[in-house]
Every structure is written in C-alpha cells, then in structure tokens.
Protein backbone atom coordinates (compact mmCIF):
# COMPACT_ATOMS: atom_id res chain seq x y z
CA MET A 1 120.22 200.20 -71.79
CA ARG A 2 123.05 201.54 -73.88
CA ILE A 3 122.95 202.28 -77.57
CA GLU A 4 126.09 202.96 -79.55
CA ILE A 5 125.72 204.13 -83.12
CA MET A 6 128.72 204.37 -85.40
CA ILE A 7 128.45 206.36 -88.58
CA ASP A 8 131.00 206.00 -91.36
CA LYS A 9 133.17 209.10 -91.36
CA GLU A 10 133.25 209.07 -95.16
CA GLN A 11 129.57 210.09 -95.13
CA LYS A 12 130.58 213.65 -94.12
CA ILE A 13 127.80 214.13 -91.56
CA SER A 14 128.17 217.27 -89.47
CA GLN A 15 128.53 217.23 -85.71
CA ALA A 16 125.35 219.36 -85.46
CA LEU A 17 123.41 216.71 -87.32
CA LEU A 18 124.74 213.96 -85.02
CA GLU A 19 123.71 216.03 -82.00
CA ALA A 20 120.23 216.54 -83.43
CA LEU A 21 119.91 212.83 -84.03
CA GLU A 22 121.01 212.03 -80.47
CA SER A 23 118.51 214.54 -79.04
CA GLU A 24 115.64 213.08 -81.11
CA LEU A 25 116.55 209.54 -80.11
CA TYR A 26 116.51 210.50 -76.40
CA ARG A 27 113.16 212.21 -76.93
CA ASN A 28 111.65 209.07 -78.50
CA LEU A 29 113.30 206.39 -76.28
CA ARG A 30 113.30 207.92 -72.75
CA PRO A 31 109.51 207.59 -72.24
CA PHE A 32 109.81 203.81 -72.63
CA TYR A 33 113.46 203.30 -71.43
CA PRO A 34 114.33 206.08 -68.96
CA LYS A 35 117.80 204.68 -68.22
CA THR A 36 118.93 204.86 -71.82
CA ALA A 37 122.39 206.09 -72.68
CA ILE A 38 123.16 206.92 -76.31
CA ARG A 39 126.54 207.45 -77.93
CA ILE A 40 126.94 208.47 -81.51
CA ARG A 41 130.33 208.65 -83.08
CA LYS A 42 132.10 208.51 -86.40
CA GLY A 43 134.01 205.47 -87.29
CA SER A 44 135.08 203.30 -90.25
CA VAL A 45 131.72 201.62 -90.81
CA ASN A 46 128.04 202.12 -90.02
CA GLY A 47 126.71 200.06 -87.13
CA ILE A 48 124.39 199.89 -84.10
CA GLU A 49 125.18 198.10 -80.90
CA LEU A 50 122.56 197.53 -78.18
CA SER A 51 123.53 196.39 -74.68
CA GLY A 52 121.49 195.95 -71.57
CA VAL A 53 118.40 194.78 -73.49
CA ARG A 54 117.23 191.52 -72.12
CA LEU A 55 113.98 190.79 -73.96
CA ALA A 56 113.82 190.24 -77.71
CA GLU A 57 110.64 192.31 -77.76
CA ASP A 58 112.52 195.25 -76.24
CA LYS A 59 115.30 194.95 -78.74
CA GLU A 60 112.82 194.83 -81.61
CA ARG A 61 110.97 197.88 -80.27
CA VAL A 62 114.21 199.88 -79.87
CA MET A 63 115.28 199.06 -83.40
CA GLU A 64 111.83 200.13 -84.69
CA ILE A 65 112.15 203.43 -82.84
CA LEU A 66 115.62 203.96 -84.20
CA GLN A 67 114.41 203.30 -87.75
CA GLN A 68 111.40 205.57 -87.33
CA VAL A 69 113.57 208.46 -86.16
CA TRP A 70 116.07 207.99 -88.95
CA GLU A 71 113.38 207.85 -91.64
CA ASP A 72 111.37 210.78 -90.23
CA ASP A 73 113.54 213.73 -91.19
CA THR A 74 111.46 216.42 -89.44
CA TRP A 75 114.10 216.61 -86.70
CA LEU A 76 116.64 217.78 -89.29
CA HIS A 77 115.03 221.21 -89.57
C-alpha cells in the first residue's frame, strides 16, 4: 500500500514536523500493513491519496488510523 499526503505549503509546517508525522504513521500502520510506503510533501493543496488498497474495509481502517494520529498530538513533543 502507498499513502501520499500533500500538505499546503502556505501552512508553514516545518520539515521536522513532517518527519515526526511520517514516523508516527509508520509506527501505527506497519503492524497492520507491513508493506506500507508513506510520502509526505508540501504542495498547493491538502490531500491524501491511497493506492494499493483493495478492500473498502482496509481503506476505511487506514483513514481512521490517519485521523487518529493527526488528532493525537502526543507525537509532536
């Protein structure tokens, strides 16, 4: 599975924060999806693209994990 996250460059998010987010996403996703590849980059809009996910249940679970990680800010510290 491949996850590509684009974050609007106008949001002024540091590279260190993006790296922390990537690390936390790997930590939460790899136990369930060991062949996950994550790419986080800055762009003109916010967006998430999932590829290699066949089942709707898997897509829903991945999106739930992404949301949980984003909302739980303990990885920021």
